[in-house]
């Protein structure tokens, strides 16, 4: 695997990584949203995912975009809007 220089591919990698985090940690996601501790509960998984993303994407793209953070919101957080929480 080489380093990705295409911004569209970088965005898809970020979304895929965060999708995997959500998929393999459904209980933590639900608990984290309910208790407003989502990012604390998934800290290690998010850091690991970010490291992987950064290893796959050209540093210039990674530094000039916020694809990974956007994916955290769009893929991890937005779909949980149905879960009762004090943060909504």
PDB file of N, CA and C in Angstrom:
ATOM      1  N   UNK A   1       0.832  -1.177   0.000  1.00  0.00           N
ATOM      2  CA  UNK A   1       0.000   0.000   0.000  1.00  0.00           C
ATOM      3  C   UNK A   1       0.877   1.241   0.000  1.00  0.00           C
ATOM      4  N   UNK A   2       0.621   2.116  -0.967  1.00  0.00           N
ATOM      5  CA  UNK A   2       1.345   3.370  -1.015  1.00  0.00           C
ATOM      6  C   UNK A   2       0.594   4.464  -0.295  1.00  0.00           C
ATOM      7  N   UNK A   3       1.219   5.607  -0.262  1.00  0.00           N
ATOM      8  CA  UNK A   3       0.612   6.778   0.360  1.00  0.00           C
ATOM      9  C   UNK A   3      -0.358   7.402  -0.640  1.00  0.00           C
ATOM     10  N   UNK A   4      -1.553   7.698  -0.174  1.00  0.00           N
ATOM     11  CA  UNK A   4      -2.609   8.242  -1.019  1.00  0.00           C
ATOM     12  C   UNK A   4      -2.413   9.740  -1.187  1.00  0.00           C
ATOM     13  N   UNK A   5      -2.462  10.197  -2.436  1.00  0.00           N
ATOM     14  CA  UNK A   5      -2.303  11.615  -2.724  1.00  0.00           C
ATOM     15  C   UNK A   5      -3.590  12.236  -3.265  1.00  0.00           C
ATOM     16  N   UNK A   6      -4.594  11.428  -3.489  1.00  0.00           N
ATOM     17  CA  UNK A   6      -5.882  11.893  -4.006  1.00  0.00           C
ATOM     18  C   UNK A   6      -6.796  12.259  -2.827  1.00  0.00           C
ATOM     19  N   UNK A   7      -7.240  13.508  -2.736  1.00  0.00           N
ATOM     20  CA  UNK A   7      -8.088  13.931  -1.608  1.00  0.00           C
ATOM     21  C   UNK A   7      -9.383  13.121  -1.472  1.00  0.00           C
ATOM     22  N   UNK A   8      -9.988  12.739  -2.585  1.00  0.00           N
ATOM     23  CA  UNK A   8     -11.221  11.945  -2.508  1.00  0.00           C
ATOM     24  C   UNK A   8     -10.967  10.571  -1.897  1.00  0.00           C
ATOM     25  N   UNK A   9      -9.840   9.982  -2.242  1.00  0.00           N
ATOM     26  CA  UNK A   9      -9.485   8.682  -1.670  1.00  0.00           C
ATOM     27  C   UNK A   9      -9.159   8.852  -0.185  1.00  0.00           C
ATOM     28  N   UNK A  10      -8.479   9.929   0.159  1.00  0.00           N
ATOM     29  CA  UNK A  10      -8.158  10.192   1.570  1.00  0.00           C
ATOM     30  C   UNK A  10      -9.445  10.323   2.387  1.00  0.00           C
ATOM     31  N   UNK A  11     -10.428  11.021   1.842  1.00  0.00           N
ATOM     32  CA  UNK A  11     -11.710  11.175   2.540  1.00  0.00           C
ATOM     33  C   UNK A  11     -12.381   9.814   2.726  1.00  0.00           C
ATOM     34  N   UNK A  12     -12.339   8.988   1.700  1.00  0.00           N
ATOM     35  CA  UNK A  12     -12.955   7.652   1.806  1.00  0.00           C
ATOM     36  C   UNK A  12     -12.231   6.786   2.824  1.00  0.00           C
ATOM     37  N   UNK A  13     -10.920   6.894   2.897  1.00  0.00           N
ATOM     38  CA  UNK A  13     -10.162   6.131   3.898  1.00  0.00           C
ATOM     39  C   UNK A  13     -10.579   6.577   5.298  1.00  0.00           C
ATOM     40  N   UNK A  14     -10.671   7.872   5.514  1.00  0.00           N
ATOM     41  CA  UNK A  14     -11.081   8.378   6.832  1.00  0.00           C
ATOM     42  C   UNK A  14     -12.450   7.837   7.206  1.00  0.00           C
ATOM     43  N   UNK A  15     -13.383   7.877   6.276  1.00  0.00           N
ATOM     44  CA  UNK A  15     -14.737   7.400   6.551  1.00  0.00           C
ATOM     45  C   UNK A  15     -14.748   5.891   6.809  1.00  0.00           C
ATOM     46  N   UNK A  16     -13.949   5.145   6.081  1.00  0.00           N
ATOM     47  CA  UNK A  16     -13.893   3.693   6.276  1.00  0.00           C
ATOM     48  C   UNK A  16     -13.295   3.348   7.642  1.00  0.00           C
ATOM     49  N   UNK A  17     -12.259   4.057   8.028  1.00  0.00           N
ATOM     50  CA  UNK A  17     -11.623   3.809   9.324  1.00  0.00           C
ATOM     51  C   UNK A  17     -12.610   4.096  10.454  1.00  0.00           C
ATOM     52  N   UNK A  18     -13.284   5.232  10.381  1.00  0.00           N
ATOM     53  CA  UNK A  18     -14.236   5.592  11.432  1.00  0.00           C
ATOM     54  C   UNK A  18     -15.442   4.661  11.406  1.00  0.00           C
ATOM     55  N   UNK A  19     -15.839   4.233  10.238  1.00  0.00           N
ATOM     56  CA  UNK A  19     -16.933   3.262  10.136  1.00  0.00           C
ATOM     57  C   UNK A  19     -16.574   1.965  10.851  1.00  0.00           C
ATOM     58  N   UNK A  20     -15.348   1.517  10.690  1.00  0.00           N
ATOM     59  CA  UNK A  20     -14.894   0.314  11.392  1.00  0.00           C
ATOM     60  C   UNK A  20     -14.895   0.521  12.903  1.00  0.00           C
ATOM     61  N   UNK A  21     -14.467   1.704  13.343  1.00  0.00           N
ATOM     62  CA  UNK A  21     -14.484   2.000  14.780  1.00  0.00           C
ATOM     63  C   UNK A  21     -15.909   1.883  15.304  1.00  0.00           C
ATOM     64  N   UNK A  22     -16.854   2.479  14.590  1.00  0.00           N
ATOM     65  CA  UNK A  22     -18.263   2.439  15.015  1.00  0.00           C
ATOM     66  C   UNK A  22     -18.800   1.011  14.996  1.00  0.00           C
ATOM     67  N   UNK A  23     -18.478   0.278  13.954  1.00  0.00           N
ATOM     68  CA  UNK A  23     -18.993  -1.082  13.786  1.00  0.00           C
ATOM     69  C   UNK A  23     -18.495  -2.022  14.873  1.00  0.00           C
ATOM     70  N   UNK A  24     -17.226  -1.949  15.204  1.00  0.00           N
ATOM     71  CA  UNK A  24     -16.648  -2.877  16.173  1.00  0.00           C
ATOM     72  C   UNK A  24     -16.805  -2.429  17.628  1.00  0.00           C
ATOM     73  N   UNK A  25     -17.400  -1.265  17.830  1.00  0.00           N
ATOM     74  CA  UNK A  25     -17.552  -0.738  19.186  1.00  0.00           C
ATOM     75  C   UNK A  25     -18.958  -0.207  19.429  1.00  0.00           C
ATOM     76  N   UNK A  26     -19.958  -0.920  18.945  1.00  0.00           N
ATOM     77  CA  UNK A  26     -21.332  -0.414  19.031  1.00  0.00           C
ATOM     78  C   UNK A  26     -21.778  -0.170  20.470  1.00  0.00           C
ATOM     79  N   UNK A  27     -21.418  -1.043  21.366  1.00  0.00           N
ATOM     80  CA  UNK A  27     -21.823  -0.861  22.769  1.00  0.00           C
ATOM     81  C   UNK A  27     -21.157   0.380  23.382  1.00  0.00           C
ATOM     82  N   UNK A  28     -19.882   0.573  23.101  1.00  0.00           N
ATOM     83  CA  UNK A  28     -19.187   1.758  23.609  1.00  0.00           C
ATOM     84  C   UNK A  28     -19.784   3.035  23.016  1.00  0.00           C
ATOM     85  N   UNK A  29     -20.125   2.980  21.732  1.00  0.00           N
ATOM     86  CA  UNK A  29     -20.710   4.149  21.078  1.00  0.00           C
ATOM     87  C   UNK A  29     -22.027   4.505  21.753  1.00  0.00           C
ATOM     88  N   UNK A  30     -22.878   3.517  21.928  1.00  0.00           N
ATOM     89  CA  UNK A  30     -24.178   3.766  22.551  1.00  0.00           C
ATOM     90  C   UNK A  30     -24.012   4.298  23.981  1.00  0.00           C
ATOM     91  N   UNK A  31     -23.166   3.652  24.752  1.00  0.00           N
ATOM     92  CA  UNK A  31     -22.929   4.087  26.129  1.00  0.00           C
ATOM     93  C   UNK A  31     -22.331   5.503  26.161  1.00  0.00           C
ATOM     94  N   UNK A  32     -21.399   5.746  25.270  1.00  0.00           N
ATOM     95  CA  UNK A  32     -20.748   7.050  25.232  1.00  0.00           C
ATOM     96  C   UNK A  32     -21.688   8.184  24.875  1.00  0.00           C
ATOM     97  N   UNK A  33     -22.605   7.919  23.965  1.00  0.00           N
ATOM     98  CA  UNK A  33     -23.581   8.949  23.608  1.00  0.00           C
ATOM     99  C   UNK A  33     -24.548   9.176  24.765  1.00  0.00           C
ATOM    100  N   UNK A  34     -25.041   8.094  25.335  1.00  0.00           N
ATOM    101  CA  UNK A  34     -25.979   8.215  26.460  1.00  0.00           C
ATOM    102  C   UNK A  34     -25.391   9.022  27.621  1.00  0.00           C
ATOM    103  N   UNK A  35     -24.112   8.802  27.895  1.00  0.00           N
ATOM    104  CA  UNK A  35     -23.468   9.403  29.071  1.00  0.00           C
ATOM    105  C   UNK A  35     -22.556  10.582  28.745  1.00  0.00           C
ATOM    106  N   UNK A  36     -22.548  11.012  27.474  1.00  0.00           N
ATOM    107  CA  UNK A  36     -21.682  12.099  27.029  1.00  0.00           C
ATOM    108  C   UNK A  36     -20.206  11.808  27.327  1.00  0.00           C
ATOM    109  N   UNK A  37     -19.805  10.560  27.065  1.00  0.00           N
ATOM    110  CA  UNK A  37     -18.408  10.149  27.272  1.00  0.00           C
ATOM    111  C   UNK A  37     -17.849   9.442  26.029  1.00  0.00           C
ATOM    112  N   UNK A  38     -18.472   9.681  24.899  1.00  0.00           N
ATOM    113  CA  UNK A  38     -18.121   8.956  23.675  1.00  0.00           C
ATOM    114  C   UNK A  38     -16.627   9.006  23.359  1.00  0.00           C
ATOM    115  N   UNK A  39     -16.073  10.205  23.342  1.00  0.00           N
ATOM    116  CA  UNK A  39     -14.669  10.336  22.936  1.00  0.00           C
ATOM    117  C   UNK A  39     -13.715   9.833  24.011  1.00  0.00           C
ATOM    118  N   UNK A  40     -14.141   9.864  25.247  1.00  0.00           N
ATOM    119  CA  UNK A  40     -13.320   9.266  26.315  1.00  0.00           C
ATOM    120  C   UNK A  40     -13.300   7.752  26.177  1.00  0.00           C
ATOM    121  N   UNK A  41     -14.466   7.164  25.936  1.00  0.00           N
ATOM    122  CA  UNK A  41     -14.554   5.699  25.818  1.00  0.00           C
ATOM    123  C   UNK A  41     -13.815   5.163  24.592  1.00  0.00           C
ATOM    124  N   UNK A  42     -13.821   5.937  23.527  1.00  0.00           N
ATOM    125  CA  UNK A  42     -13.205   5.473  22.276  1.00  0.00           C
ATOM    126  C   UNK A  42     -11.834   6.103  22.012  1.00  0.00           C
ATOM    127  N   UNK A  43     -11.252   6.684  23.027  1.00  0.00           N
ATOM    128  CA  UNK A  43      -9.982   7.391  22.851  1.00  0.00           C
ATOM    129  C   UNK A  43      -8.923   6.525  22.172  1.00  0.00           C
ATOM    130  N   UNK A  44      -8.705   5.338  22.673  1.00  0.00           N
ATOM    131  CA  UNK A  44      -7.664   4.460  22.117  1.00  0.00           C
ATOM    132  C   UNK A  44      -7.988   4.066  20.681  1.00  0.00           C
ATOM    133  N   UNK A  45      -9.243   3.707  20.426  1.00  0.00           N
ATOM    134  CA  UNK A  45      -9.643   3.290  19.092  1.00  0.00           C
ATOM    135  C   UNK A  45      -9.511   4.439  18.093  1.00  0.00           C
ATOM    136  N   UNK A  46      -9.901   5.639  18.531  1.00  0.00           N
ATOM    137  CA  UNK A  46      -9.799   6.805  17.656  1.00  0.00           C
ATOM    138  C   UNK A  46      -8.335   7.134  17.383  1.00  0.00           C
ATOM    139  N   UNK A  47      -7.506   7.074  18.398  1.00  0.00           N
ATOM    140  CA  UNK A  47      -6.069   7.341  18.195  1.00  0.00           C
ATOM    141  C   UNK A  47      -5.448   6.315  17.248  1.00  0.00           C
ATOM    142  N   UNK A  48      -5.811   5.054  17.429  1.00  0.00           N
ATOM    143  CA  UNK A  48      -5.294   4.005  16.535  1.00  0.00           C
ATOM    144  C   UNK A  48      -5.780   4.246  15.105  1.00  0.00           C
ATOM    145  N   UNK A  49      -7.052   4.585  14.963  1.00  0.00           N
ATOM    146  CA  UNK A  49      -7.603   4.865  13.644  1.00  0.00           C
ATOM    147  C   UNK A  49      -6.938   6.063  12.998  1.00  0.00           C
ATOM    148  N   UNK A  50      -6.694   7.103  13.775  1.00  0.00           N
ATOM    149  CA  UNK A  50      -6.031   8.292  13.240  1.00  0.00           C
ATOM    150  C   UNK A  50      -4.604   7.959  12.795  1.00  0.00           C
ATOM    151  N   UNK A  51      -3.894   7.174  13.594  1.00  0.00           N
ATOM    152  CA  UNK A  51      -2.530   6.772  13.208  1.00  0.00           C
ATOM    153  C   UNK A  51      -2.551   6.006  11.885  1.00  0.00           C
ATOM    154  N   UNK A  52      -3.503   5.097  11.740  1.00  0.00           N
ATOM    155  CA  UNK A  52      -3.611   4.341  10.496  1.00  0.00           C
ATOM    156  C   UNK A  52      -3.903   5.277   9.335  1.00  0.00           C
ATOM    157  N   UNK A  53      -4.872   6.175   9.526  1.00  0.00           N
ATOM    158  CA  UNK A  53      -5.217   7.147   8.484  1.00  0.00           C
ATOM    159  C   UNK A  53      -3.980   7.942   8.072  1.00  0.00           C
ATOM    160  N   UNK A  54      -3.247   8.445   9.048  1.00  0.00           N
ATOM    161  CA  UNK A  54      -2.058   9.247   8.754  1.00  0.00           C
ATOM    162  C   UNK A  54      -0.975   8.428   8.062  1.00  0.00           C
ATOM    163  N   UNK A  55      -0.927   7.139   8.308  1.00  0.00           N
ATOM    164  CA  UNK A  55       0.059   6.290   7.648  1.00  0.00           C
ATOM    165  C   UNK A  55      -0.301   6.024   6.187  1.00  0.00           C
ATOM    166  N   UNK A  56      -1.555   6.197   5.846  1.00  0.00           N
ATOM    167  CA  UNK A  56      -2.028   5.913   4.493  1.00  0.00           C
ATOM    168  C   UNK A  56      -2.134   7.143   3.599  1.00  0.00           C
ATOM    169  N   UNK A  57      -2.185   8.329   4.207  1.00  0.00           N
ATOM    170  CA  UNK A  57      -2.463   9.554   3.456  1.00  0.00           C
ATOM    171  C   UNK A  57      -1.229  10.449   3.406  1.00  0.00           C
ATOM    172  N   UNK A  58      -1.021  11.062   2.254  1.00  0.00           N
ATOM    173  CA  UNK A  58       0.082  11.996   2.082  1.00  0.00           C
ATOM    174  C   UNK A  58       0.015  13.069   3.171  1.00  0.00           C
ATOM    175  N   UNK A  59       1.141  13.359   3.829  1.00  0.00           N
ATOM    176  CA  UNK A  59       1.145  14.337   4.922  1.00  0.00           C
ATOM    177  C   UNK A  59       0.565  15.697   4.530  1.00  0.00           C
ATOM    178  N   UNK A  60       0.784  16.107   3.305  1.00  0.00           N
ATOM    179  CA  UNK A  60       0.257  17.399   2.855  1.00  0.00           C
ATOM    180  C   UNK A  60      -1.279  17.406   2.883  1.00  0.00           C
ATOM    181  N   UNK A  61      -1.889  16.315   2.464  1.00  0.00           N
ATOM    182  CA  UNK A  61      -3.351  16.216   2.503  1.00  0.00           C
ATOM    183  C   UNK A  61      -3.825  16.145   3.952  1.00  0.00           C
ATOM    184  N   UNK A  62      -3.157  15.333   4.748  1.00  0.00           N
ATOM    185  CA  UNK A  62      -3.568  15.174   6.147  1.00  0.00           C
ATOM    186  C   UNK A  62      -3.483  16.495   6.901  1.00  0.00           C
ATOM    187  N   UNK A  63      -2.464  17.290   6.617  1.00  0.00           N
ATOM    188  CA  UNK A  63      -2.270  18.552   7.334  1.00  0.00           C
ATOM    189  C   UNK A  63      -3.182  19.666   6.831  1.00  0.00           C
ATOM    190  N   UNK A  64      -3.610  19.574   5.585  1.00  0.00           N
ATOM    191  CA  UNK A  64      -4.409  20.667   5.013  1.00  0.00           C
ATOM    192  C   UNK A  64      -5.910  20.379   5.016  1.00  0.00           C
ATOM    193  N   UNK A  65      -6.306  19.228   5.527  1.00  0.00           N
ATOM    194  CA  UNK A  65      -7.725  18.879   5.572  1.00  0.00           C
ATOM    195  C   UNK A  65      -8.081  18.380   6.978  1.00  0.00           C
ATOM    196  N   UNK A  66      -9.351  18.222   7.207  1.00  0.00           N
ATOM    197  CA  UNK A  66      -9.787  17.625   8.468  1.00  0.00           C
ATOM    198  C   UNK A  66     -10.721  16.443   8.200  1.00  0.00           C
ATOM    199  N   UNK A  67     -10.366  15.649   7.199  1.00  0.00           N
ATOM    200  CA  UNK A  67     -11.205  14.519   6.793  1.00  0.00           C
ATOM    201  C   UNK A  67     -11.476  13.547   7.933  1.00  0.00           C
ATOM    202  N   UNK A  68     -10.471  13.284   8.736  1.00  0.00           N
ATOM    203  CA  UNK A  68     -10.677  12.315   9.815  1.00  0.00           C
ATOM    204  C   UNK A  68     -11.674  12.858  10.835  1.00  0.00           C
ATOM    205  N   UNK A  69     -11.528  14.108  11.218  1.00  0.00           N
ATOM    206  CA  UNK A  69     -12.466  14.699  12.174  1.00  0.00           C
ATOM    207  C   UNK A  69     -13.870  14.805  11.588  1.00  0.00           C
ATOM    208  N   UNK A  70     -13.964  15.133  10.321  1.00  0.00           N
ATOM    209  CA  UNK A  70     -15.278  15.172   9.661  1.00  0.00           C
ATOM    210  C   UNK A  70     -15.922  13.798   9.698  1.00  0.00           C
ATOM    211  N   UNK A  71     -15.125  12.776   9.464  1.00  0.00           N
ATOM    212  CA  UNK A  71     -15.658  11.411   9.497  1.00  0.00           C
ATOM    213  C   UNK A  71     -16.139  11.049  10.895  1.00  0.00           C
ATOM    214  N   UNK A  72     -15.431  11.506  11.921  1.00  0.00           N
ATOM    215  CA  UNK A  72     -15.886  11.235  13.292  1.00  0.00           C
ATOM    216  C   UNK A  72     -17.291  11.792  13.507  1.00  0.00           C
ATOM    217  N   UNK A  73     -17.535  12.977  13.000  1.00  0.00           N
ATOM    218  CA  UNK A  73     -18.860  13.591  13.159  1.00  0.00           C
ATOM    219  C   UNK A  73     -19.883  12.901  12.260  1.00  0.00           C
ATOM    220  N   UNK A  74     -19.562  12.775  10.977  1.00  0.00           N
ATOM    221  CA  UNK A  74     -20.530  12.262   9.996  1.00  0.00           C
ATOM    222  C   UNK A  74     -20.833  10.775  10.149  1.00  0.00           C
ATOM    223  N   UNK A  75     -19.817   9.999  10.462  1.00  0.00           N
ATOM    224  CA  UNK A  75     -19.975   8.539  10.478  1.00  0.00           C
ATOM    225  C   UNK A  75     -20.189   7.991  11.888  1.00  0.00           C
ATOM    226  N   UNK A  76     -19.558   8.591  12.862  1.00  0.00           N
ATOM    227  CA  UNK A  76     -19.645   8.079  14.226  1.00  0.00           C
ATOM    228  C   UNK A  76     -20.755   8.764  15.029  1.00  0.00           C
ATOM    229  N   UNK A  77     -20.822  10.073  14.960  1.00  0.00           N
ATOM    230  CA  UNK A  77     -21.726  10.808  15.841  1.00  0.00           C
ATOM    231  C   UNK A  77     -23.126  11.017  15.268  1.00  0.00           C
ATOM    232  N   UNK A  78     -23.240  11.501  14.049  1.00  0.00           N
ATOM    233  CA  UNK A  78     -24.561  11.810  13.486  1.00  0.00           C
ATOM    234  C   UNK A  78     -25.537  10.641  13.512  1.00  0.00           C
ATOM    235  N   UNK A  79     -25.111   9.435  13.164  1.00  0.00           N
ATOM    236  CA  UNK A  79     -26.068   8.319  13.177  1.00  0.00           C
ATOM    237  C   UNK A  79     -26.596   7.957  14.567  1.00  0.00           C
ATOM    238  N   UNK A  80     -25.986   8.500  15.606  1.00  0.00           N
ATOM    239  CA  UNK A  80     -26.421   8.155  16.964  1.00  0.00           C
ATOM    240  C   UNK A  80     -27.485   9.111  17.486  1.00  0.00           C
ATOM    241  N   UNK A  81     -27.993   9.983  16.650  1.00  0.00           N
ATOM    242  CA  UNK A  81     -28.983  10.959  17.066  1.00  0.00           C
ATOM    243  C   UNK A  81     -30.250  10.340  17.629  1.00  0.00           C
ATOM    244  N   UNK A  82     -30.495   9.091  17.351  1.00  0.00           N
ATOM    245  CA  UNK A  82     -31.679   8.387  17.854  1.00  0.00           C
ATOM    246  C   UNK A  82     -31.508   7.923  19.304  1.00  0.00           C
ATOM    247  N   UNK A  83     -30.281   7.921  19.793  1.00  0.00           N
ATOM    248  CA  UNK A  83     -29.998   7.457  21.153  1.00  0.00           C
ATOM    249  C   UNK A  83     -30.292   8.598  22.135  1.00  0.00           C
ATOM    250  N   UNK A  84     -31.143   8.344  23.127  1.00  0.00           N
ATOM    251  CA  UNK A  84     -31.418   9.392  24.111  1.00  0.00           C
ATOM    252  C   UNK A  84     -30.128   9.835  24.815  1.00  0.00           C
ATOM    253  N   UNK A  85     -29.972  11.147  24.910  1.00  0.00           N
ATOM    254  CA  UNK A  85     -28.751  11.665  25.516  1.00  0.00           C
ATOM    255  C   UNK A  85     -28.969  13.096  25.990  1.00  0.00           C
ATOM    256  N   UNK A  86     -28.247  13.490  26.995  1.00  0.00           N
ATOM    257  CA  UNK A  86     -28.324  14.866  27.471  1.00  0.00           C
ATOM    258  C   UNK A  86     -27.583  15.829  26.544  1.00  0.00           C
ATOM    259  N   UNK A  87     -26.820  15.296  25.601  1.00  0.00           N
ATOM    260  CA  UNK A  87     -26.087  16.177  24.694  1.00  0.00           C
ATOM    261  C   UNK A  87     -26.943  16.652  23.525  1.00  0.00           C
ATOM    262  N   UNK A  88     -28.115  16.100  23.337  1.00  0.00           N
ATOM    263  CA  UNK A  88     -28.976  16.536  22.229  1.00  0.00           C
ATOM    264  C   UNK A  88     -29.874  17.632  22.680  1.00  0.00           C
TER     265      UNK A  88
END
